[in-house]
Amino acid sequence: MGSLEKMEPCWWETKPKYLNEWLYEWRKRLYHKNPRTKYVEDYELSRIYALKQELQEKISIQKQTFKGENREKQV
């Protein structure tokens, strides 16, 4: 068997409608593959939520800069 990263597709590859839905499915599949996960999943989920938060911050910054560029072009 390969590593977990090779078995599980990245969220941008599966293109879910809702990230929370993907997190739920990922957690469920991970637990079925490895019963030890109950000890690890809190740490893993906290990492994923931190990445999600970071991603949302980057997106909001990009939106703000994009809006700023549009304002400059209109003037």
C-alpha atoms as a PDB file:
ATOM      1  CA  MET A   1       0.000   0.000   0.000  1.00  0.00           C
ATOM      2  CA  GLY A   2       1.120   3.533  -0.740  1.00  0.00           C
ATOM      3  CA  SER A   3       1.150   6.477   1.576  1.00  0.00           C
ATOM      4  CA  LEU A   4      -2.052   8.160   2.659  1.00  0.00           C
ATOM      5  CA  GLU A   5      -1.311  11.192   0.486  1.00  0.00           C
ATOM      6  CA  LYS A   6      -1.254   9.022  -2.633  1.00  0.00           C
ATOM      7  CA  MET A   7      -4.527   7.263  -1.738  1.00  0.00           C
ATOM      8  CA  GLU A   8      -6.522  10.383  -0.887  1.00  0.00           C
ATOM      9  CA  PRO A   9      -7.069  13.002  -3.596  1.00  0.00           C
ATOM     10  CA  CYS A  10      -6.555  16.637  -2.702  1.00  0.00           C
ATOM     11  CA  TRP A  11      -9.680  18.719  -2.193  1.00  0.00           C
ATOM     12  CA  TRP A  12      -8.946  20.819  -5.274  1.00  0.00           C
ATOM     13  CA  GLU A  13      -8.772  17.626  -7.356  1.00  0.00           C
ATOM     14  CA  THR A  14     -12.187  16.400  -6.223  1.00  0.00           C
ATOM     15  CA  LYS A  15     -13.678  19.929  -6.429  1.00  0.00           C
ATOM     16  CA  PRO A  16     -16.301  19.560  -3.668  1.00  0.00           C
ATOM     17  CA  LYS A  17     -19.253  21.895  -3.413  1.00  0.00           C
ATOM     18  CA  TYR A  18     -18.618  22.395   0.276  1.00  0.00           C
ATOM     19  CA  LEU A  19     -15.275  21.975   2.031  1.00  0.00           C
ATOM     20  CA  ASN A  20     -16.935  20.821   5.274  1.00  0.00           C
ATOM     21  CA  GLU A  21     -18.663  18.013   3.377  1.00  0.00           C
ATOM     22  CA  TRP A  22     -15.288  16.928   2.007  1.00  0.00           C
ATOM     23  CA  LEU A  23     -13.747  17.045   5.497  1.00  0.00           C
ATOM     24  CA  TYR A  24     -16.501  14.780   6.802  1.00  0.00           C
ATOM     25  CA  GLU A  25     -16.006  12.258   3.989  1.00  0.00           C
ATOM     26  CA  TRP A  26     -12.221  12.332   4.372  1.00  0.00           C
ATOM     27  CA  ARG A  27     -12.458  11.731   8.106  1.00  0.00           C
ATOM     28  CA  LYS A  28     -14.874   8.852   7.603  1.00  0.00           C
ATOM     29  CA  ARG A  29     -12.707   7.150   4.948  1.00  0.00           C
ATOM     30  CA  LEU A  30      -9.539   7.684   6.978  1.00  0.00           C
ATOM     31  CA  TYR A  31     -11.105   6.076  10.042  1.00  0.00           C
ATOM     32  CA  HIS A  32     -12.193   3.008   8.050  1.00  0.00           C
ATOM     33  CA  LYS A  33      -8.683   2.599   6.660  1.00  0.00           C
ATOM     34  CA  ASN A  34      -6.931   2.950   9.996  1.00  0.00           C
ATOM     35  CA  PRO A  35      -8.689   2.385  13.364  1.00  0.00           C
ATOM     36  CA  ARG A  36      -5.812   4.181  15.163  1.00  0.00           C
ATOM     37  CA  THR A  37      -7.116   7.384  13.598  1.00  0.00           C
ATOM     38  CA  LYS A  38      -9.252   8.225  16.624  1.00  0.00           C
ATOM     39  CA  TYR A  39      -6.026   9.280  18.366  1.00  0.00           C
ATOM     40  CA  VAL A  40      -4.741  11.239  15.396  1.00  0.00           C
ATOM     41  CA  GLU A  41      -7.854  12.749  13.841  1.00  0.00           C
ATOM     42  CA  ASP A  42      -8.128  15.751  16.172  1.00  0.00           C
ATOM     43  CA  TYR A  43      -4.598  16.792  15.263  1.00  0.00           C
ATOM     44  CA  GLU A  44      -5.202  16.145  11.560  1.00  0.00           C
ATOM     45  CA  LEU A  45      -8.488  18.035  11.556  1.00  0.00           C
ATOM     46  CA  SER A  46      -6.956  20.974  13.394  1.00  0.00           C
ATOM     47  CA  ARG A  47      -4.259  21.099  10.677  1.00  0.00           C
ATOM     48  CA  ILE A  48      -6.902  20.980   7.947  1.00  0.00           C
ATOM     49  CA  TYR A  49      -9.000  23.699   9.581  1.00  0.00           C
ATOM     50  CA  ALA A  50      -5.887  25.857   9.941  1.00  0.00           C
ATOM     51  CA  LEU A  51      -5.137  25.375   6.239  1.00  0.00           C
ATOM     52  CA  LYS A  52      -8.756  26.162   5.400  1.00  0.00           C
ATOM     53  CA  GLN A  53      -8.587  29.387   7.437  1.00  0.00           C
ATOM     54  CA  GLU A  54      -5.316  30.365   5.784  1.00  0.00           C
ATOM     55  CA  LEU A  55      -6.806  29.709   2.356  1.00  0.00           C
ATOM     56  CA  GLN A  56      -9.887  31.825   3.141  1.00  0.00           C
ATOM     57  CA  GLU A  57      -7.641  34.684   4.311  1.00  0.00           C
ATOM     58  CA  LYS A  58      -5.605  34.530   1.093  1.00  0.00           C
ATOM     59  CA  ILE A  59      -8.779  34.517  -1.005  1.00  0.00           C
ATOM     60  CA  SER A  60     -10.198  37.522   0.863  1.00  0.00           C
ATOM     61  CA  ILE A  61      -6.903  39.418   0.422  1.00  0.00           C
ATOM     62  CA  GLN A  62      -6.915  38.620  -3.294  1.00  0.00           C
ATOM     63  CA  LYS A  63     -10.508  39.818  -3.593  1.00  0.00           C
ATOM     64  CA  GLN A  64      -9.621  43.073  -1.824  1.00  0.00           C
ATOM     65  CA  THR A  65      -6.624  43.723  -4.066  1.00  0.00           C
ATOM     66  CA  PHE A  66      -8.686  42.844  -7.133  1.00  0.00           C
ATOM     67  CA  LYS A  67     -11.371  45.337  -6.094  1.00  0.00           C
ATOM     68  CA  GLY A  68      -8.652  47.946  -5.525  1.00  0.00           C
ATOM     69  CA  GLU A  69      -7.269  47.351  -9.041  1.00  0.00           C
ATOM     70  CA  ASN A  70     -10.738  47.756 -10.533  1.00  0.00           C
ATOM     71  CA  ARG A  71     -11.223  51.066  -8.744  1.00  0.00           C
ATOM     72  CA  GLU A  72      -7.927  52.375 -10.072  1.00  0.00           C
ATOM     73  CA  LYS A  73      -8.837  51.396 -13.640  1.00  0.00           C
ATOM     74  CA  GLN A  74     -12.245  53.088 -13.431  1.00  0.00           C
ATOM     75  CA  VAL A  75     -10.730  56.396 -12.273  1.00  0.00           C
END
